[in-house]
């Protein structure tokens, strides 16, 4: 399967992609794609999905707030910061 997101990011003049026909420009003409470049592309926003999958549930934080449990609240914050450190943004 072709990485559509990578092609659109690397080739801004591509307006459509078909896994069989390939990438096309606005005139419907094929665009030559360097698949090595496409396969090497790293999504600069991949960290968002990675973080989301590992963040602790919001309920842990809210439970600590309602109970006035500062240790629980701080644990939630520390757990979130650990996830952020594990999956940094590209510019951090």
PDB file of N, CA and C in Angstrom:
ATOM      1  N   UNK A   1       0.847  -1.187   0.000  1.00  0.00           N
ATOM      2  CA  UNK A   1       0.000   0.000   0.000  1.00  0.00           C
ATOM      3  C   UNK A   1       0.886   1.242   0.000  1.00  0.00           C
ATOM      4  N   UNK A   2       0.497   2.218  -0.756  1.00  0.00           N
ATOM      5  CA  UNK A   2       1.241   3.460  -0.884  1.00  0.00           C
ATOM      6  C   UNK A   2       0.925   4.375   0.300  1.00  0.00           C
ATOM      7  N   UNK A   3       1.958   5.027   0.824  1.00  0.00           N
ATOM      8  CA  UNK A   3       1.780   5.968   1.929  1.00  0.00           C
ATOM      9  C   UNK A   3       1.303   7.306   1.362  1.00  0.00           C
ATOM     10  N   UNK A   4      -0.002   7.482   1.318  1.00  0.00           N
ATOM     11  CA  UNK A   4      -0.600   8.675   0.728  1.00  0.00           C
ATOM     12  C   UNK A   4      -0.170   9.942   1.463  1.00  0.00           C
ATOM     13  N   UNK A   5      -0.168   9.886   2.780  1.00  0.00           N
ATOM     14  CA  UNK A   5       0.175  11.074   3.573  1.00  0.00           C
ATOM     15  C   UNK A   5       1.593  11.540   3.247  1.00  0.00           C
ATOM     16  N   UNK A   6       2.513  10.605   3.094  1.00  0.00           N
ATOM     17  CA  UNK A   6       3.896  10.954   2.755  1.00  0.00           C
ATOM     18  C   UNK A   6       3.973  11.586   1.370  1.00  0.00           C
ATOM     19  N   UNK A   7       3.251  11.034   0.419  1.00  0.00           N
ATOM     20  CA  UNK A   7       3.280  11.574  -0.940  1.00  0.00           C
ATOM     21  C   UNK A   7       2.723  12.996  -0.966  1.00  0.00           C
ATOM     22  N   UNK A   8       1.598  13.216  -0.317  1.00  0.00           N
ATOM     23  CA  UNK A   8       1.027  14.564  -0.283  1.00  0.00           C
ATOM     24  C   UNK A   8       1.980  15.548   0.408  1.00  0.00           C
ATOM     25  N   UNK A   9       2.681  15.093   1.439  1.00  0.00           N
ATOM     26  CA  UNK A   9       3.613  15.965   2.147  1.00  0.00           C
ATOM     27  C   UNK A   9       4.852  16.274   1.305  1.00  0.00           C
ATOM     28  N   UNK A  10       5.342  15.278   0.590  1.00  0.00           N
ATOM     29  CA  UNK A  10       6.574  15.431  -0.187  1.00  0.00           C
ATOM     30  C   UNK A  10       6.352  16.034  -1.570  1.00  0.00           C
ATOM     31  N   UNK A  11       5.170  15.847  -2.113  1.00  0.00           N
ATOM     32  CA  UNK A  11       4.852  16.307  -3.473  1.00  0.00           C
ATOM     33  C   UNK A  11       3.582  17.157  -3.431  1.00  0.00           C
ATOM     34  N   UNK A  12       3.710  18.428  -3.073  1.00  0.00           N
ATOM     35  CA  UNK A  12       2.521  19.269  -2.899  1.00  0.00           C
ATOM     36  C   UNK A  12       1.683  19.465  -4.164  1.00  0.00           C
ATOM     37  N   UNK A  13       2.243  19.208  -5.339  1.00  0.00           N
ATOM     38  CA  UNK A  13       1.474  19.358  -6.583  1.00  0.00           C
ATOM     39  C   UNK A  13       0.623  18.123  -6.898  1.00  0.00           C
ATOM     40  N   UNK A  14       0.758  17.072  -6.101  1.00  0.00           N
ATOM     41  CA  UNK A  14      -0.084  15.884  -6.272  1.00  0.00           C
ATOM     42  C   UNK A  14      -1.460  16.196  -5.681  1.00  0.00           C
ATOM     43  N   UNK A  15      -2.511  15.924  -6.473  1.00  0.00           N
ATOM     44  CA  UNK A  15      -3.871  16.191  -6.001  1.00  0.00           C
ATOM     45  C   UNK A  15      -4.689  14.919  -5.801  1.00  0.00           C
ATOM     46  N   UNK A  16      -4.214  13.795  -6.365  1.00  0.00           N
ATOM     47  CA  UNK A  16      -4.911  12.531  -6.145  1.00  0.00           C
ATOM     48  C   UNK A  16      -3.929  11.380  -6.239  1.00  0.00           C
ATOM     49  N   UNK A  17      -4.273  10.326  -5.524  1.00  0.00           N
ATOM     50  CA  UNK A  17      -3.432   9.133  -5.506  1.00  0.00           C
ATOM     51  C   UNK A  17      -4.335   7.919  -5.614  1.00  0.00           C
ATOM     52  N   UNK A  18      -3.973   7.030  -6.491  1.00  0.00           N
ATOM     53  CA  UNK A  18      -4.662   5.754  -6.649  1.00  0.00           C
ATOM     54  C   UNK A  18      -3.594   4.680  -6.464  1.00  0.00           C
ATOM     55  N   UNK A  19      -3.870   3.712  -5.609  1.00  0.00           N
ATOM     56  CA  UNK A  19      -2.873   2.675  -5.327  1.00  0.00           C
ATOM     57  C   UNK A  19      -2.458   1.912  -6.577  1.00  0.00           C
ATOM     58  N   UNK A  20      -3.294   1.867  -7.576  1.00  0.00           N
ATOM     59  CA  UNK A  20      -2.967   1.170  -8.824  1.00  0.00           C
ATOM     60  C   UNK A  20      -2.377   2.122  -9.859  1.00  0.00           C
ATOM     61  N   UNK A  21      -3.031   3.263 -10.078  1.00  0.00           N
ATOM     62  CA  UNK A  21      -2.607   4.201 -11.127  1.00  0.00           C
ATOM     63  C   UNK A  21      -1.456   5.097 -10.682  1.00  0.00           C
ATOM     64  N   UNK A  22      -1.301   5.319  -9.397  1.00  0.00           N
ATOM     65  CA  UNK A  22      -0.231   6.172  -8.891  1.00  0.00           C
ATOM     66  C   UNK A  22      -0.715   7.569  -8.554  1.00  0.00           C
ATOM     67  N   UNK A  23       0.234   8.508  -8.469  1.00  0.00           N
ATOM     68  CA  UNK A  23      -0.059   9.890  -8.093  1.00  0.00           C
ATOM     69  C   UNK A  23      -0.304  10.727  -9.340  1.00  0.00           C
ATOM     70  N   UNK A  24      -1.259  11.650  -9.220  1.00  0.00           N
ATOM     71  CA  UNK A  24      -1.636  12.502 -10.355  1.00  0.00           C
ATOM     72  C   UNK A  24      -1.599  13.968  -9.942  1.00  0.00           C
ATOM     73  N   UNK A  25      -1.264  14.828 -10.901  1.00  0.00           N
ATOM     74  CA  UNK A  25      -1.315  16.262 -10.662  1.00  0.00           C
ATOM     75  C   UNK A  25      -2.709  16.790 -10.995  1.00  0.00           C
ATOM     76  N   UNK A  26      -2.885  18.100 -10.941  1.00  0.00           N
ATOM     77  CA  UNK A  26      -4.213  18.703 -11.161  1.00  0.00           C
ATOM     78  C   UNK A  26      -4.746  18.485 -12.574  1.00  0.00           C
ATOM     79  N   UNK A  27      -3.858  18.199 -13.511  1.00  0.00           N
ATOM     80  CA  UNK A  27      -4.267  17.943 -14.893  1.00  0.00           C
ATOM     81  C   UNK A  27      -4.492  16.463 -15.174  1.00  0.00           C
ATOM     82  N   UNK A  28      -4.375  15.631 -14.142  1.00  0.00           N
ATOM     83  CA  UNK A  28      -4.558  14.192 -14.319  1.00  0.00           C
ATOM     84  C   UNK A  28      -3.341  13.489 -14.874  1.00  0.00           C
ATOM     85  N   UNK A  29      -2.225  14.187 -14.909  1.00  0.00           N
ATOM     86  CA  UNK A  29      -0.988  13.590 -15.424  1.00  0.00           C
ATOM     87  C   UNK A  29      -0.245  12.901 -14.294  1.00  0.00           C
ATOM     88  N   UNK A  30       0.398  11.760 -14.599  1.00  0.00           N
ATOM     89  CA  UNK A  30       1.136  11.040 -13.565  1.00  0.00           C
ATOM     90  C   UNK A  30       2.333  11.848 -13.062  1.00  0.00           C
ATOM     91  N   UNK A  31       2.592  11.709 -11.777  1.00  0.00           N
ATOM     92  CA  UNK A  31       3.736  12.355 -11.146  1.00  0.00           C
ATOM     93  C   UNK A  31       4.714  11.266 -10.740  1.00  0.00           C
ATOM     94  N   UNK A  32       5.964  11.406 -11.146  1.00  0.00           N
ATOM     95  CA  UNK A  32       6.998  10.431 -10.764  1.00  0.00           C
ATOM     96  C   UNK A  32       7.268  10.562  -9.269  1.00  0.00           C
ATOM     97  N   UNK A  33       7.205   9.441  -8.591  1.00  0.00           N
ATOM     98  CA  UNK A  33       7.374   9.399  -7.137  1.00  0.00           C
ATOM     99  C   UNK A  33       8.613   8.578  -6.808  1.00  0.00           C
ATOM    100  N   UNK A  34       9.454   9.102  -5.938  1.00  0.00           N
ATOM    101  CA  UNK A  34      10.622   8.377  -5.444  1.00  0.00           C
ATOM    102  C   UNK A  34      10.169   7.579  -4.209  1.00  0.00           C
ATOM    103  N   UNK A  35       9.934   6.291  -4.400  1.00  0.00           N
ATOM    104  CA  UNK A  35       9.388   5.467  -3.312  1.00  0.00           C
ATOM    105  C   UNK A  35      10.363   5.324  -2.149  1.00  0.00           C
ATOM    106  N   UNK A  36      11.660   5.408  -2.409  1.00  0.00           N
ATOM    107  CA  UNK A  36      12.629   5.359  -1.306  1.00  0.00           C
ATOM    108  C   UNK A  36      12.430   6.571  -0.397  1.00  0.00           C
ATOM    109  N   UNK A  37      12.200   7.723  -1.008  1.00  0.00           N
ATOM    110  CA  UNK A  37      11.947   8.941  -0.251  1.00  0.00           C
ATOM    111  C   UNK A  37      10.628   8.831   0.513  1.00  0.00           C
ATOM    112  N   UNK A  38       9.608   8.311  -0.149  1.00  0.00           N
ATOM    113  CA  UNK A  38       8.303   8.129   0.493  1.00  0.00           C
ATOM    114  C   UNK A  38       8.416   7.160   1.671  1.00  0.00           C
ATOM    115  N   UNK A  39       9.103   6.062   1.476  1.00  0.00           N
ATOM    116  CA  UNK A  39       9.240   5.060   2.544  1.00  0.00           C
ATOM    117  C   UNK A  39      10.089   5.555   3.705  1.00  0.00           C
ATOM    118  N   UNK A  40      10.984   6.499   3.452  1.00  0.00           N
ATOM    119  CA  UNK A  40      11.843   7.030   4.515  1.00  0.00           C
ATOM    120  C   UNK A  40      11.170   8.174   5.276  1.00  0.00           C
ATOM    121  N   UNK A  41      10.067   8.699   4.732  1.00  0.00           N
ATOM    122  CA  UNK A  41       9.392   9.833   5.356  1.00  0.00           C
ATOM    123  C   UNK A  41       8.841   9.458   6.724  1.00  0.00           C
ATOM    124  N   UNK A  42       9.042  10.338   7.678  1.00  0.00           N
ATOM    125  CA  UNK A  42       8.521  10.141   9.029  1.00  0.00           C
ATOM    126  C   UNK A  42       7.470  11.219   9.283  1.00  0.00           C
ATOM    127  N   UNK A  43       6.290  10.798   9.643  1.00  0.00           N
ATOM    128  CA  UNK A  43       5.194  11.722   9.904  1.00  0.00           C
ATOM    129  C   UNK A  43       5.542  12.604  11.104  1.00  0.00           C
ATOM    130  N   UNK A  44       5.646  13.920  10.902  1.00  0.00           N
ATOM    131  CA  UNK A  44       6.002  14.795  12.011  1.00  0.00           C
ATOM    132  C   UNK A  44       4.917  14.898  13.081  1.00  0.00           C
ATOM    133  N   UNK A  45       3.742  14.356  12.810  1.00  0.00           N
ATOM    134  CA  UNK A  45       2.665  14.392  13.795  1.00  0.00           C
ATOM    135  C   UNK A  45       2.351  13.026  14.389  1.00  0.00           C
ATOM    136  N   UNK A  46       3.206  12.048  14.147  1.00  0.00           N
ATOM    137  CA  UNK A  46       2.971  10.699  14.667  1.00  0.00           C
ATOM    138  C   UNK A  46       2.944  10.676  16.193  1.00  0.00           C
ATOM    139  N   UNK A  47       3.679  11.599  16.816  1.00  0.00           N
ATOM    140  CA  UNK A  47       3.733  11.640  18.273  1.00  0.00           C
ATOM    141  C   UNK A  47       2.341  11.813  18.882  1.00  0.00           C
ATOM    142  N   UNK A  48       1.431  12.472  18.179  1.00  0.00           N
ATOM    143  CA  UNK A  48       0.092  12.729  18.728  1.00  0.00           C
ATOM    144  C   UNK A  48      -0.655  11.430  19.010  1.00  0.00           C
ATOM    145  N   UNK A  49      -0.663  10.523  18.041  1.00  0.00           N
ATOM    146  CA  UNK A  49      -1.355   9.250  18.236  1.00  0.00           C
ATOM    147  C   UNK A  49      -0.625   8.381  19.269  1.00  0.00           C
ATOM    148  N   UNK A  50       0.698   8.442  19.260  1.00  0.00           N
ATOM    149  CA  UNK A  50       1.462   7.661  20.229  1.00  0.00           C
ATOM    150  C   UNK A  50       1.186   8.136  21.648  1.00  0.00           C
ATOM    151  N   UNK A  51       1.181   9.437  21.830  1.00  0.00           N
ATOM    152  CA  UNK A  51       0.888   9.985  23.156  1.00  0.00           C
ATOM    153  C   UNK A  51      -0.529   9.632  23.598  1.00  0.00           C
ATOM    154  N   UNK A  52      -1.479   9.837  22.697  1.00  0.00           N
ATOM    155  CA  UNK A  52      -2.877   9.590  23.037  1.00  0.00           C
ATOM    156  C   UNK A  52      -3.089   8.160  23.531  1.00  0.00           C
ATOM    157  N   UNK A  53      -2.402   7.227  22.905  1.00  0.00           N
ATOM    158  CA  UNK A  53      -2.558   5.817  23.279  1.00  0.00           C
ATOM    159  C   UNK A  53      -1.999   5.513  24.667  1.00  0.00           C
ATOM    160  N   UNK A  54      -1.059   6.330  25.149  1.00  0.00           N
ATOM    161  CA  UNK A  54      -0.398   6.019  26.425  1.00  0.00           C
ATOM    162  C   UNK A  54      -0.720   6.971  27.567  1.00  0.00           C
ATOM    163  N   UNK A  55      -1.394   8.082  27.281  1.00  0.00           N
ATOM    164  CA  UNK A  55      -1.749   8.977  28.382  1.00  0.00           C
ATOM    165  C   UNK A  55      -2.666   8.265  29.361  1.00  0.00           C
ATOM    166  N   UNK A  56      -2.529   8.580  30.652  1.00  0.00           N
ATOM    167  CA  UNK A  56      -3.461   7.992  31.626  1.00  0.00           C
ATOM    168  C   UNK A  56      -4.856   8.584  31.419  1.00  0.00           C
ATOM    169  N   UNK A  57      -5.885   7.897  31.890  1.00  0.00           N
ATOM    170  CA  UNK A  57      -7.253   8.407  31.723  1.00  0.00           C
ATOM    171  C   UNK A  57      -7.468   9.707  32.504  1.00  0.00           C
ATOM    172  N   UNK A  58      -8.236  10.621  31.901  1.00  0.00           N
ATOM    173  CA  UNK A  58      -8.560  11.885  32.573  1.00  0.00           C
ATOM    174  C   UNK A  58      -9.225  11.652  33.927  1.00  0.00           C
ATOM    175  N   UNK A  59      -9.946  10.567  34.027  1.00  0.00           N
ATOM    176  CA  UNK A  59     -10.670  10.276  35.270  1.00  0.00           C
ATOM    177  C   UNK A  59      -9.715  10.182  36.456  1.00  0.00           C
ATOM    178  N   UNK A  60      -8.488   9.738  36.221  1.00  0.00           N
ATOM    179  CA  UNK A  60      -7.510   9.657  37.323  1.00  0.00           C
ATOM    180  C   UNK A  60      -7.228  11.050  37.886  1.00  0.00           C
ATOM    181  N   UNK A  61      -7.076  12.025  36.986  1.00  0.00           N
ATOM    182  CA  UNK A  61      -6.816  13.404  37.400  1.00  0.00           C
ATOM    183  C   UNK A  61      -8.036  13.980  38.123  1.00  0.00           C
ATOM    184  N   UNK A  62      -9.201  13.823  37.511  1.00  0.00           N
ATOM    185  CA  UNK A  62     -10.417  14.380  38.103  1.00  0.00           C
ATOM    186  C   UNK A  62     -10.724  13.749  39.459  1.00  0.00           C
ATOM    187  N   UNK A  63     -10.483  12.460  39.575  1.00  0.00           N
ATOM    188  CA  UNK A  63     -10.697  11.769  40.846  1.00  0.00           C
ATOM    189  C   UNK A  63      -9.803  12.369  41.928  1.00  0.00           C
ATOM    190  N   UNK A  64      -8.551  12.625  41.570  1.00  0.00           N
ATOM    191  CA  UNK A  64      -7.624  13.233  42.530  1.00  0.00           C
ATOM    192  C   UNK A  64      -8.046  14.633  42.929  1.00  0.00           C
ATOM    193  N   UNK A  65      -8.562  15.402  41.976  1.00  0.00           N
ATOM    194  CA  UNK A  65      -9.040  16.763  42.259  1.00  0.00           C
ATOM    195  C   UNK A  65     -10.233  16.718  43.217  1.00  0.00           C
ATOM    196  N   UNK A  66     -11.196  15.863  42.892  1.00  0.00           N
ATOM    197  CA  UNK A  66     -12.406  15.764  43.723  1.00  0.00           C
ATOM    198  C   UNK A  66     -12.060  15.326  45.138  1.00  0.00           C
ATOM    199  N   UNK A  67     -11.142  14.400  45.259  1.00  0.00           N
ATOM    200  CA  UNK A  67     -10.740  13.901  46.582  1.00  0.00           C
ATOM    201  C   UNK A  67      -9.782  14.848  47.298  1.00  0.00           C
ATOM    202  N   UNK A  68      -9.250  15.822  46.569  1.00  0.00           N
ATOM    203  CA  UNK A  68      -8.240  16.700  47.177  1.00  0.00           C
ATOM    204  C   UNK A  68      -6.935  15.960  47.395  1.00  0.00           C
ATOM    205  N   UNK A  69      -6.701  14.938  46.585  1.00  0.00           N
ATOM    206  CA  UNK A  69      -5.514  14.089  46.741  1.00  0.00           C
ATOM    207  C   UNK A  69      -4.399  14.621  45.833  1.00  0.00           C
ATOM    208  N   UNK A  70      -3.558  15.465  46.409  1.00  0.00           N
ATOM    209  CA  UNK A  70      -2.478  16.080  45.634  1.00  0.00           C
ATOM    210  C   UNK A  70      -1.463  15.059  45.133  1.00  0.00           C
ATOM    211  N   UNK A  71      -1.277  13.975  45.852  1.00  0.00           N
ATOM    212  CA  UNK A  71      -0.346  12.931  45.413  1.00  0.00           C
ATOM    213  C   UNK A  71      -0.878  12.277  44.134  1.00  0.00           C
ATOM    214  N   UNK A  72      -2.165  11.989  44.107  1.00  0.00           N
ATOM    215  CA  UNK A  72      -2.790  11.388  42.916  1.00  0.00           C
ATOM    216  C   UNK A  72      -2.727  12.352  41.730  1.00  0.00           C
ATOM    217  N   UNK A  73      -2.993  13.622  41.971  1.00  0.00           N
ATOM    218  CA  UNK A  73      -2.941  14.620  40.907  1.00  0.00           C
ATOM    219  C   UNK A  73      -1.515  14.723  40.368  1.00  0.00           C
ATOM    220  N   UNK A  74      -0.536  14.772  41.272  1.00  0.00           N
ATOM    221  CA  UNK A  74       0.858  14.877  40.829  1.00  0.00           C
ATOM    222  C   UNK A  74       1.293  13.627  40.076  1.00  0.00           C
ATOM    223  N   UNK A  75       0.799  12.447  40.477  1.00  0.00           N
ATOM    224  CA  UNK A  75       1.123  11.218  39.751  1.00  0.00           C
ATOM    225  C   UNK A  75       0.593  11.297  38.323  1.00  0.00           C
ATOM    226  N   UNK A  76      -0.626  11.815  38.171  1.00  0.00           N
ATOM    227  CA  UNK A  76      -1.206  11.978  36.835  1.00  0.00           C
ATOM    228  C   UNK A  76      -0.329  12.906  35.988  1.00  0.00           C
ATOM    229  N   UNK A  77       0.053  14.021  36.568  1.00  0.00           N
ATOM    230  CA  UNK A  77       0.898  14.979  35.852  1.00  0.00           C
ATOM    231  C   UNK A  77       2.235  14.340  35.486  1.00  0.00           C
ATOM    232  N   UNK A  78       2.848  13.643  36.422  1.00  0.00           N
ATOM    233  CA  UNK A  78       4.135  12.985  36.163  1.00  0.00           C
ATOM    234  C   UNK A  78       4.008  11.928  35.074  1.00  0.00           C
ATOM    235  N   UNK A  79       2.906  11.169  35.093  1.00  0.00           N
ATOM    236  CA  UNK A  79       2.682  10.154  34.064  1.00  0.00           C
ATOM    237  C   UNK A  79       2.536  10.803  32.682  1.00  0.00           C
ATOM    238  N   UNK A  80       1.821  11.927  32.625  1.00  0.00           N
ATOM    239  CA  UNK A  80       1.672  12.645  31.349  1.00  0.00           C
ATOM    240  C   UNK A  80       3.022  13.167  30.864  1.00  0.00           C
ATOM    241  N   UNK A  81       3.813  13.723  31.748  1.00  0.00           N
ATOM    242  CA  UNK A  81       5.129  14.240  31.366  1.00  0.00           C
ATOM    243  C   UNK A  81       6.054  13.123  30.890  1.00  0.00           C
ATOM    244  N   UNK A  82       5.925  11.942  31.489  1.00  0.00           N
ATOM    245  CA  UNK A  82       6.738  10.801  31.051  1.00  0.00           C
ATOM    246  C   UNK A  82       6.366  10.393  29.624  1.00  0.00           C
ATOM    247  N   UNK A  83       5.074  10.414  29.312  1.00  0.00           N
ATOM    248  CA  UNK A  83       4.620  10.088  27.953  1.00  0.00           C
ATOM    249  C   UNK A  83       5.139  11.138  26.975  1.00  0.00           C
ATOM    250  N   UNK A  84       5.063  12.413  27.359  1.00  0.00           N
ATOM    251  CA  UNK A  84       5.569  13.484  26.497  1.00  0.00           C
ATOM    252  C   UNK A  84       7.067  13.314  26.245  1.00  0.00           C
ATOM    253  N   UNK A  85       7.808  12.905  27.256  1.00  0.00           N
ATOM    254  CA  UNK A  85       9.251  12.697  27.094  1.00  0.00           C
ATOM    255  C   UNK A  85       9.535  11.495  26.189  1.00  0.00           C
ATOM    256  N   UNK A  86       8.686  10.480  26.286  1.00  0.00           N
ATOM    257  CA  UNK A  86       8.863   9.269  25.472  1.00  0.00           C
ATOM    258  C   UNK A  86       8.586   9.537  24.001  1.00  0.00           C
ATOM    259  N   UNK A  87       7.586  10.396  23.727  1.00  0.00           N
ATOM    260  CA  UNK A  87       7.194  10.730  22.351  1.00  0.00           C
ATOM    261  C   UNK A  87       7.263  12.247  22.160  1.00  0.00           C
ATOM    262  N   UNK A  88       8.458  12.801  22.033  1.00  0.00           N
ATOM    263  CA  UNK A  88       8.582  14.251  21.889  1.00  0.00           C
ATOM    264  C   UNK A  88       8.117  14.750  20.532  1.00  0.00           C
ATOM    265  N   UNK A  89       7.731  16.014  20.502  1.00  0.00           N
ATOM    266  CA  UNK A  89       7.464  16.671  19.220  1.00  0.00           C
ATOM    267  C   UNK A  89       8.790  16.796  18.496  1.00  0.00           C
ATOM    268  N   UNK A  90       8.736  16.966  17.208  1.00  0.00           N
ATOM    269  CA  UNK A  90       9.954  17.120  16.440  1.00  0.00           C
ATOM    270  C   UNK A  90      10.779  18.324  16.828  1.00  0.00           C
ATOM    271  N   UNK A  91      10.153  19.374  17.354  1.00  0.00           N
ATOM    272  CA  UNK A  91      10.871  20.595  17.679  1.00  0.00           C
ATOM    273  C   UNK A  91      11.174  20.752  19.166  1.00  0.00           C
ATOM    274  N   UNK A  92      10.957  19.705  19.944  1.00  0.00           N
ATOM    275  CA  UNK A  92      11.237  19.792  21.388  1.00  0.00           C
ATOM    276  C   UNK A  92      12.648  19.342  21.668  1.00  0.00           C
TER     277      UNK A  92
END
